[in-house]
Amino acid sequence: MGAEGTSGGGILTEIDHVAIAVADLDAAVAWYERAFGAQVVHRERVESDGVEEALLAVADSFVQLLTPTREDSPVAKFLASRGEGLHHVGYRVADCAAALQAVKDSGGRVIDEQPRPGSRGTTVAFVHPKAAFGTLIELVQE
């Protein structure tokens, strides 16, 4: 890894966030505040994904706490089947469309065929966990 925090020319430039699915967002935020002194730097309800998120800054990245706002959201389904815990990893990319195409070109399975609006004004796309050794990946372009 280079001194600037980049991967030396690769498509993934940094870890944007680690997302944790929780049943009670306020309780999770309060625990992170008590245990680590973490502060919420952004909170948003993303209607298209059926979630509310709280972002806690960790250096240049975030811990993203997610809770469902409706029963049919992917996070609600995740909580029902797996319980609370690690939901996905978000990687920063310079160009979300190009990164998504690279996954497709490599034979990878994607959830989003095209990039779409994400929280905090980002552009995002998800890579299916079956293409990524069991990890749901979010590509994030700021």
N, C-alpha and C. Protein backbone atom coordinates (compact mmCIF):
# COMPACT_ATOMS: atom_id res chain seq x y z
N MET A 1 0.84 -1.17 0.00
CA MET A 1 0.00 0.00 0.00
C MET A 1 0.89 1.23 0.00
N GLY A 2 0.52 2.22 -0.80
CA GLY A 2 1.31 3.44 -0.92
C GLY A 2 1.10 4.35 0.27
N ALA A 3 1.94 5.38 0.36
CA ALA A 3 1.88 6.32 1.47
C ALA A 3 0.58 7.11 1.47
N GLU A 4 -0.04 7.25 0.31
CA GLU A 4 -1.29 8.01 0.22
C GLU A 4 -2.50 7.19 0.63
N GLY A 5 -2.31 5.92 0.98
CA GLY A 5 -3.42 5.08 1.38
C GLY A 5 -4.12 4.41 0.21
N THR A 6 -3.50 4.43 -0.96
CA THR A 6 -4.10 3.77 -2.10
C THR A 6 -3.50 2.40 -2.27
N SER A 7 -4.12 1.61 -3.10
CA SER A 7 -3.66 0.24 -3.29
C SER A 7 -2.62 0.14 -4.39
N GLY A 8 -2.01 1.24 -4.79
CA GLY A 8 -0.96 1.19 -5.80
C GLY A 8 -1.51 1.06 -7.20
N GLY A 9 -2.65 1.66 -7.47
CA GLY A 9 -3.18 1.64 -8.83
C GLY A 9 -4.34 0.69 -9.03
N GLY A 10 -4.74 -0.07 -8.02
CA GLY A 10 -5.87 -0.97 -8.16
C GLY A 10 -7.19 -0.22 -8.15
N ILE A 11 -8.25 -0.94 -8.40
CA ILE A 11 -9.58 -0.34 -8.45
C ILE A 11 -10.08 0.06 -7.06
N LEU A 12 -9.79 -0.74 -6.05
CA LEU A 12 -10.20 -0.43 -4.68
C LEU A 12 -9.19 0.53 -4.07
N THR A 13 -9.63 1.70 -3.64
CA THR A 13 -8.68 2.69 -3.14
C THR A 13 -8.58 2.74 -1.62
N GLU A 14 -9.67 2.47 -0.92
CA GLU A 14 -9.69 2.47 0.55
C GLU A 14 -10.89 1.69 1.04
N ILE A 15 -10.87 1.33 2.31
CA ILE A 15 -12.09 0.81 2.91
C ILE A 15 -12.94 2.02 3.28
N ASP A 16 -14.13 2.10 2.72
CA ASP A 16 -15.04 3.20 3.03
C ASP A 16 -15.74 2.95 4.35
N HIS A 17 -16.29 1.74 4.52
CA HIS A 17 -17.00 1.44 5.76
C HIS A 17 -17.14 -0.05 5.96
N VAL A 18 -17.38 -0.41 7.19
CA VAL A 18 -17.78 -1.75 7.58
C VAL A 18 -19.19 -1.60 8.13
N ALA A 19 -20.14 -2.32 7.53
CA ALA A 19 -21.55 -2.17 7.90
C ALA A 19 -21.97 -3.29 8.85
N ILE A 20 -22.62 -2.89 9.92
CA ILE A 20 -23.09 -3.83 10.93
C ILE A 20 -24.60 -3.67 11.05
N ALA A 21 -25.32 -4.76 10.85
CA ALA A 21 -26.78 -4.76 10.98
C ALA A 21 -27.14 -4.89 12.46
N VAL A 22 -28.04 -4.00 12.90
CA VAL A 22 -28.46 -4.00 14.30
C VAL A 22 -29.98 -3.88 14.37
N ALA A 23 -30.54 -4.43 15.44
CA ALA A 23 -31.99 -4.34 15.63
C ALA A 23 -32.41 -2.99 16.19
N ASP A 24 -31.56 -2.39 17.02
CA ASP A 24 -31.89 -1.12 17.68
C ASP A 24 -30.75 -0.14 17.43
N LEU A 25 -30.95 0.75 16.49
CA LEU A 25 -29.90 1.69 16.08
C LEU A 25 -29.47 2.60 17.23
N ASP A 26 -30.43 3.13 17.97
CA ASP A 26 -30.08 4.03 19.08
C ASP A 26 -29.27 3.32 20.15
N ALA A 27 -29.62 2.09 20.45
CA ALA A 27 -28.86 1.32 21.44
C ALA A 27 -27.44 1.03 20.94
N ALA A 28 -27.31 0.71 19.67
CA ALA A 28 -25.98 0.43 19.10
C ALA A 28 -25.12 1.68 19.11
N VAL A 29 -25.71 2.82 18.73
CA VAL A 29 -24.97 4.08 18.75
C VAL A 29 -24.51 4.39 20.17
N ALA A 30 -25.41 4.25 21.13
CA ALA A 30 -25.08 4.54 22.53
C ALA A 30 -23.95 3.64 23.01
N TRP A 31 -23.95 2.36 22.62
CA TRP A 31 -22.89 1.44 23.03
C TRP A 31 -21.55 1.87 22.45
N TYR A 32 -21.51 2.20 21.16
CA TYR A 32 -20.26 2.65 20.54
C TYR A 32 -19.76 3.93 21.19
N GLU A 33 -20.67 4.82 21.58
CA GLU A 33 -20.28 6.05 22.27
C GLU A 33 -19.66 5.74 23.62
N ARG A 34 -20.32 4.86 24.40
CA ARG A 34 -19.82 4.50 25.74
C ARG A 34 -18.52 3.71 25.66
N ALA A 35 -18.49 2.70 24.81
CA ALA A 35 -17.36 1.79 24.77
C ALA A 35 -16.12 2.39 24.11
N PHE A 36 -16.32 3.19 23.06
CA PHE A 36 -15.18 3.66 22.28
C PHE A 36 -15.08 5.18 22.17
N GLY A 37 -16.05 5.90 22.72
CA GLY A 37 -16.04 7.35 22.56
C GLY A 37 -16.35 7.78 21.13
N ALA A 38 -16.93 6.88 20.35
CA ALA A 38 -17.25 7.16 18.95
C ALA A 38 -18.37 8.18 18.85
N GLN A 39 -18.33 8.97 17.81
CA GLN A 39 -19.34 9.99 17.58
C GLN A 39 -19.99 9.77 16.21
N VAL A 40 -21.30 9.94 16.15
CA VAL A 40 -22.02 9.87 14.88
C VAL A 40 -21.66 11.11 14.08
N VAL A 41 -21.17 10.90 12.85
CA VAL A 41 -20.82 12.03 11.98
C VAL A 41 -21.85 12.20 10.86
N HIS A 42 -22.69 11.19 10.69
CA HIS A 42 -23.74 11.28 9.67
C HIS A 42 -24.83 10.28 10.03
N ARG A 43 -26.06 10.72 9.89
CA ARG A 43 -27.20 9.81 10.12
C ARG A 43 -28.19 10.08 9.01
N GLU A 44 -28.72 9.00 8.43
CA GLU A 44 -29.60 9.16 7.28
C GLU A 44 -30.54 7.98 7.16
N ARG A 45 -31.73 8.28 6.71
CA ARG A 45 -32.72 7.25 6.37
C ARG A 45 -32.68 7.10 4.86
N VAL A 46 -32.44 5.88 4.38
CA VAL A 46 -32.35 5.61 2.94
C VAL A 46 -33.59 4.81 2.56
N GLU A 47 -34.61 5.52 2.12
CA GLU A 47 -35.90 4.89 1.82
C GLU A 47 -35.78 3.81 0.76
N SER A 48 -34.95 4.04 -0.26
CA SER A 48 -34.84 3.06 -1.36
C SER A 48 -34.32 1.72 -0.87
N ASP A 49 -33.51 1.71 0.19
CA ASP A 49 -32.97 0.47 0.73
C ASP A 49 -33.71 0.00 1.98
N GLY A 50 -34.64 0.82 2.47
CA GLY A 50 -35.39 0.45 3.66
C GLY A 50 -34.55 0.38 4.90
N VAL A 51 -33.60 1.32 5.05
CA VAL A 51 -32.72 1.32 6.22
C VAL A 51 -32.55 2.71 6.78
N GLU A 52 -32.14 2.75 8.04
CA GLU A 52 -31.61 3.95 8.64
C GLU A 52 -30.19 3.62 9.04
N GLU A 53 -29.28 4.57 8.80
CA GLU A 53 -27.88 4.32 9.10
C GLU A 53 -27.34 5.41 10.01
N ALA A 54 -26.32 5.05 10.76
CA ALA A 54 -25.52 5.99 11.53
C ALA A 54 -24.07 5.68 11.19
N LEU A 55 -23.33 6.70 10.78
CA LEU A 55 -21.92 6.53 10.46
C LEU A 55 -21.07 7.06 11.60
N LEU A 56 -20.15 6.23 12.06
CA LEU A 56 -19.20 6.59 13.10
C LEU A 56 -17.82 6.66 12.44
N ALA A 57 -17.15 7.80 12.55
CA ALA A 57 -15.84 7.97 11.90
C ALA A 57 -14.78 7.16 12.63
N VAL A 58 -13.96 6.45 11.84
CA VAL A 58 -12.79 5.75 12.33
C VAL A 58 -11.68 6.09 11.34
N ALA A 59 -10.82 7.04 11.71
CA ALA A 59 -9.80 7.58 10.80
C ALA A 59 -10.50 8.10 9.55
N ASP A 60 -10.10 7.60 8.38
CA ASP A 60 -10.71 8.06 7.12
C ASP A 60 -11.85 7.16 6.67
N SER A 61 -12.27 6.23 7.52
CA SER A 61 -13.32 5.29 7.18
C SER A 61 -14.46 5.41 8.19
N PHE A 62 -15.43 4.52 8.07
CA PHE A 62 -16.60 4.56 8.94
C PHE A 62 -16.98 3.16 9.41
N VAL A 63 -17.61 3.11 10.59
CA VAL A 63 -18.44 1.98 10.98
C VAL A 63 -19.84 2.45 10.66
N GLN A 64 -20.55 1.69 9.86
CA GLN A 64 -21.92 2.02 9.47
C GLN A 64 -22.86 1.08 10.22
N LEU A 65 -23.64 1.63 11.12
CA LEU A 65 -24.65 0.85 11.82
C LEU A 65 -25.94 0.97 11.03
N LEU A 66 -26.55 -0.17 10.70
CA LEU A 66 -27.76 -0.20 9.88
C LEU A 66 -28.89 -0.87 10.61
N THR A 67 -30.08 -0.31 10.48
CA THR A 67 -31.28 -0.97 11.00
C THR A 67 -32.38 -0.85 9.95
N PRO A 68 -33.22 -1.87 9.81
CA PRO A 68 -34.28 -1.79 8.80
C PRO A 68 -35.39 -0.82 9.20
N THR A 69 -35.99 -0.22 8.19
CA THR A 69 -37.15 0.65 8.42
C THR A 69 -38.42 0.01 7.90
N ARG A 70 -38.28 -1.14 7.25
CA ARG A 70 -39.46 -1.89 6.79
C ARG A 70 -39.09 -3.38 6.75
N GLU A 71 -40.12 -4.22 6.87
CA GLU A 71 -39.90 -5.67 6.99
C GLU A 71 -39.36 -6.33 5.74
N ASP A 72 -39.53 -5.71 4.56
CA ASP A 72 -39.07 -6.34 3.32
C ASP A 72 -37.69 -5.87 2.88
N SER A 73 -37.00 -5.09 3.71
CA SER A 73 -35.68 -4.61 3.33
C SER A 73 -34.66 -5.74 3.43
N PRO A 74 -33.58 -5.67 2.64
CA PRO A 74 -32.53 -6.68 2.74
C PRO A 74 -31.94 -6.80 4.15
N VAL A 75 -31.84 -5.68 4.86
CA VAL A 75 -31.28 -5.74 6.21
C VAL A 75 -32.25 -6.43 7.17
N ALA A 76 -33.55 -6.23 6.99
CA ALA A 76 -34.54 -6.94 7.82
C ALA A 76 -34.44 -8.44 7.58
N LYS A 77 -34.30 -8.84 6.33
CA LYS A 77 -34.16 -10.26 6.00
C LYS A 77 -32.87 -10.83 6.59
N PHE A 78 -31.79 -10.04 6.52
CA PHE A 78 -30.52 -10.46 7.09
C PHE A 78 -30.66 -10.70 8.60
N LEU A 79 -31.26 -9.74 9.30
CA LEU A 79 -31.44 -9.88 10.75
C LEU A 79 -32.29 -11.09 11.09
N ALA A 80 -33.34 -11.33 10.29
CA ALA A 80 -34.23 -12.47 10.56
C ALA A 80 -33.50 -13.79 10.37
N SER A 81 -32.62 -13.87 9.39
CA SER A 81 -31.95 -15.15 9.11
C SER A 81 -30.64 -15.33 9.86
N ARG A 82 -29.91 -14.25 10.10
CA ARG A 82 -28.57 -14.37 10.68
C ARG A 82 -28.39 -13.68 12.02
N GLY A 83 -29.29 -12.76 12.33
CA GLY A 83 -29.13 -11.98 13.56
C GLY A 83 -28.19 -10.81 13.33
N GLU A 84 -27.92 -10.09 14.40
CA GLU A 84 -27.08 -8.91 14.29
C GLU A 84 -25.64 -9.30 13.95
N GLY A 85 -24.96 -8.39 13.25
CA GLY A 85 -23.56 -8.63 12.95
C GLY A 85 -23.12 -8.01 11.64
N LEU A 86 -21.93 -8.39 11.23
CA LEU A 86 -21.32 -7.85 10.02
C LEU A 86 -22.22 -8.10 8.82
N HIS A 87 -22.60 -7.04 8.12
CA HIS A 87 -23.49 -7.13 6.97
C HIS A 87 -22.72 -7.04 5.65
N HIS A 88 -21.86 -6.03 5.52
CA HIS A 88 -21.07 -5.89 4.29
C HIS A 88 -19.86 -5.00 4.52
N VAL A 89 -18.96 -5.00 3.53
CA VAL A 89 -17.81 -4.12 3.54
C VAL A 89 -17.94 -3.20 2.34
N GLY A 90 -17.76 -1.90 2.57
CA GLY A 90 -17.80 -0.92 1.49
C GLY A 90 -16.40 -0.50 1.13
N TYR A 91 -16.06 -0.59 -0.16
CA TYR A 91 -14.75 -0.16 -0.65
C TYR A 91 -14.90 1.09 -1.48
N ARG A 92 -14.04 2.08 -1.27
CA ARG A 92 -14.03 3.27 -2.11
C ARG A 92 -13.41 2.95 -3.45
N VAL A 93 -14.01 3.51 -4.49
CA VAL A 93 -13.51 3.38 -5.85
C VAL A 93 -13.58 4.76 -6.50
N ALA A 94 -12.70 5.00 -7.46
CA ALA A 94 -12.72 6.28 -8.17
C ALA A 94 -13.89 6.36 -9.13
N ASP A 95 -14.26 5.22 -9.72
CA ASP A 95 -15.31 5.17 -10.74
C ASP A 95 -16.15 3.92 -10.49
N CYS A 96 -17.34 4.11 -9.94
CA CYS A 96 -18.19 2.97 -9.57
C CYS A 96 -18.59 2.15 -10.80
N ALA A 97 -18.93 2.81 -11.89
CA ALA A 97 -19.34 2.10 -13.10
C ALA A 97 -18.20 1.23 -13.62
N ALA A 98 -16.98 1.76 -13.64
CA ALA A 98 -15.83 1.00 -14.12
C ALA A 98 -15.52 -0.17 -13.19
N ALA A 99 -15.63 0.04 -11.88
CA ALA A 99 -15.38 -1.03 -10.92
C ALA A 99 -16.42 -2.14 -11.06
N LEU A 100 -17.68 -1.75 -11.24
CA LEU A 100 -18.74 -2.73 -11.42
C LEU A 100 -18.52 -3.52 -12.70
N GLN A 101 -18.13 -2.84 -13.76
CA GLN A 101 -17.86 -3.52 -15.03
C GLN A 101 -16.69 -4.49 -14.90
N ALA A 102 -15.67 -4.11 -14.13
CA ALA A 102 -14.53 -5.00 -13.91
C ALA A 102 -14.97 -6.29 -13.23
N VAL A 103 -15.90 -6.17 -12.27
CA VAL A 103 -16.42 -7.37 -11.60
C VAL A 103 -17.16 -8.24 -12.62
N LYS A 104 -18.01 -7.61 -13.42
CA LYS A 104 -18.75 -8.37 -14.44
C LYS A 104 -17.80 -9.02 -15.44
N ASP A 105 -16.79 -8.27 -15.88
CA ASP A 105 -15.84 -8.79 -16.86
C ASP A 105 -15.05 -9.98 -16.33
N SER A 106 -14.88 -10.02 -15.01
CA SER A 106 -14.14 -11.13 -14.40
C SER A 106 -15.05 -12.33 -14.15
N GLY A 107 -16.32 -12.21 -14.55
CA GLY A 107 -17.27 -13.30 -14.36
C GLY A 107 -17.99 -13.23 -13.03
N GLY A 108 -17.80 -12.15 -12.30
CA GLY A 108 -18.43 -11.99 -10.99
C GLY A 108 -19.91 -11.68 -11.09
N ARG A 109 -20.64 -12.10 -10.07
CA ARG A 109 -22.08 -11.85 -9.99
C ARG A 109 -22.32 -10.55 -9.23
N VAL A 110 -23.23 -9.73 -9.75
CA VAL A 110 -23.52 -8.44 -9.11
C VAL A 110 -24.98 -8.39 -8.71
N ILE A 111 -25.28 -7.53 -7.76
CA ILE A 111 -26.66 -7.28 -7.35
C ILE A 111 -27.21 -6.11 -8.15
N ASP A 112 -26.42 -5.06 -8.26
CA ASP A 112 -26.81 -3.87 -9.03
C ASP A 112 -26.18 -3.95 -10.41
N GLU A 113 -26.99 -3.94 -11.44
CA GLU A 113 -26.47 -3.96 -12.81
C GLU A 113 -25.86 -2.62 -13.21
N GLN A 114 -26.34 -1.55 -12.57
CA GLN A 114 -25.84 -0.20 -12.82
C GLN A 114 -25.63 0.48 -11.48
N PRO A 115 -24.66 1.39 -11.39
CA PRO A 115 -24.51 2.17 -10.15
C PRO A 115 -25.77 2.97 -9.87
N ARG A 116 -25.98 3.26 -8.58
CA ARG A 116 -27.17 3.99 -8.16
C ARG A 116 -26.81 4.94 -7.03
N PRO A 117 -27.70 5.87 -6.71
CA PRO A 117 -27.41 6.79 -5.60
C PRO A 117 -27.34 6.04 -4.27
N GLY A 118 -26.36 6.43 -3.45
CA GLY A 118 -26.21 5.87 -2.11
C GLY A 118 -26.38 6.96 -1.07
N SER A 119 -26.09 6.64 0.16
CA SER A 119 -26.21 7.64 1.22
C SER A 119 -25.09 8.67 1.10
N ARG A 120 -25.26 9.77 1.77
CA ARG A 120 -24.34 10.91 1.82
C ARG A 120 -23.85 11.37 0.45
N GLY A 121 -24.72 11.22 -0.58
CA GLY A 121 -24.41 11.73 -1.91
C GLY A 121 -23.45 10.87 -2.71
N THR A 122 -23.24 9.64 -2.31
CA THR A 122 -22.33 8.75 -3.02
C THR A 122 -23.04 8.04 -4.16
N THR A 123 -22.26 7.39 -4.99
CA THR A 123 -22.76 6.47 -6.02
C THR A 123 -22.28 5.09 -5.61
N VAL A 124 -23.19 4.10 -5.63
CA VAL A 124 -22.85 2.78 -5.11
C VAL A 124 -23.34 1.67 -6.04
N ALA A 125 -22.78 0.49 -5.83
CA ALA A 125 -23.24 -0.75 -6.47
C ALA A 125 -22.79 -1.90 -5.58
N PHE A 126 -23.62 -2.94 -5.51
CA PHE A 126 -23.30 -4.09 -4.68
C PHE A 126 -22.87 -5.29 -5.52
N VAL A 127 -21.87 -5.99 -5.01
CA VAL A 127 -21.37 -7.23 -5.60
C VAL A 127 -21.90 -8.37 -4.74
N HIS A 128 -22.46 -9.39 -5.40
CA HIS A 128 -23.08 -10.51 -4.69
C HIS A 128 -22.04 -11.27 -3.87
N PRO A 129 -22.41 -11.69 -2.67
CA PRO A 129 -21.45 -12.43 -1.84
C PRO A 129 -20.97 -13.74 -2.46
N LYS A 130 -21.78 -14.34 -3.32
CA LYS A 130 -21.34 -15.59 -3.96
C LYS A 130 -20.19 -15.34 -4.94
N ALA A 131 -20.00 -14.09 -5.35
CA ALA A 131 -18.88 -13.74 -6.23
C ALA A 131 -17.65 -13.34 -5.43
N ALA A 132 -17.82 -13.14 -4.12
CA ALA A 132 -16.76 -12.56 -3.31
C ALA A 132 -16.49 -13.37 -2.04
N PHE A 133 -16.48 -14.67 -2.19
CA PHE A 133 -16.11 -15.56 -1.10
C PHE A 133 -16.94 -15.35 0.16
N GLY A 134 -18.25 -15.11 -0.04
CA GLY A 134 -19.18 -15.01 1.07
C GLY A 134 -19.34 -13.63 1.68
N THR A 135 -18.71 -12.62 1.09
CA THR A 135 -18.80 -11.27 1.63
C THR A 135 -19.58 -10.36 0.68
N LEU A 136 -20.63 -9.74 1.16
CA LEU A 136 -21.34 -8.74 0.39
C LEU A 136 -20.44 -7.51 0.30
N ILE A 137 -20.19 -7.02 -0.91
CA ILE A 137 -19.31 -5.88 -1.13
C ILE A 137 -20.10 -4.73 -1.73
N GLU A 138 -19.87 -3.54 -1.17
CA GLU A 138 -20.45 -2.33 -1.73
C GLU A 138 -19.31 -1.51 -2.32
N LEU A 139 -19.45 -1.14 -3.58
CA LEU A 139 -18.50 -0.25 -4.24
C LEU A 139 -19.03 1.17 -4.02
N VAL A 140 -18.19 2.07 -3.52
CA VAL A 140 -18.62 3.41 -3.13
C VAL A 140 -17.76 4.46 -3.83
N GLN A 141 -18.42 5.30 -4.62
CA GLN A 141 -17.74 6.43 -5.26
C GLN A 141 -18.23 7.71 -4.60
N GLU A 142 -17.29 8.48 -4.07
CA GLU A 142 -17.66 9.74 -3.41
C GLU A 142 -17.83 10.85 -4.42
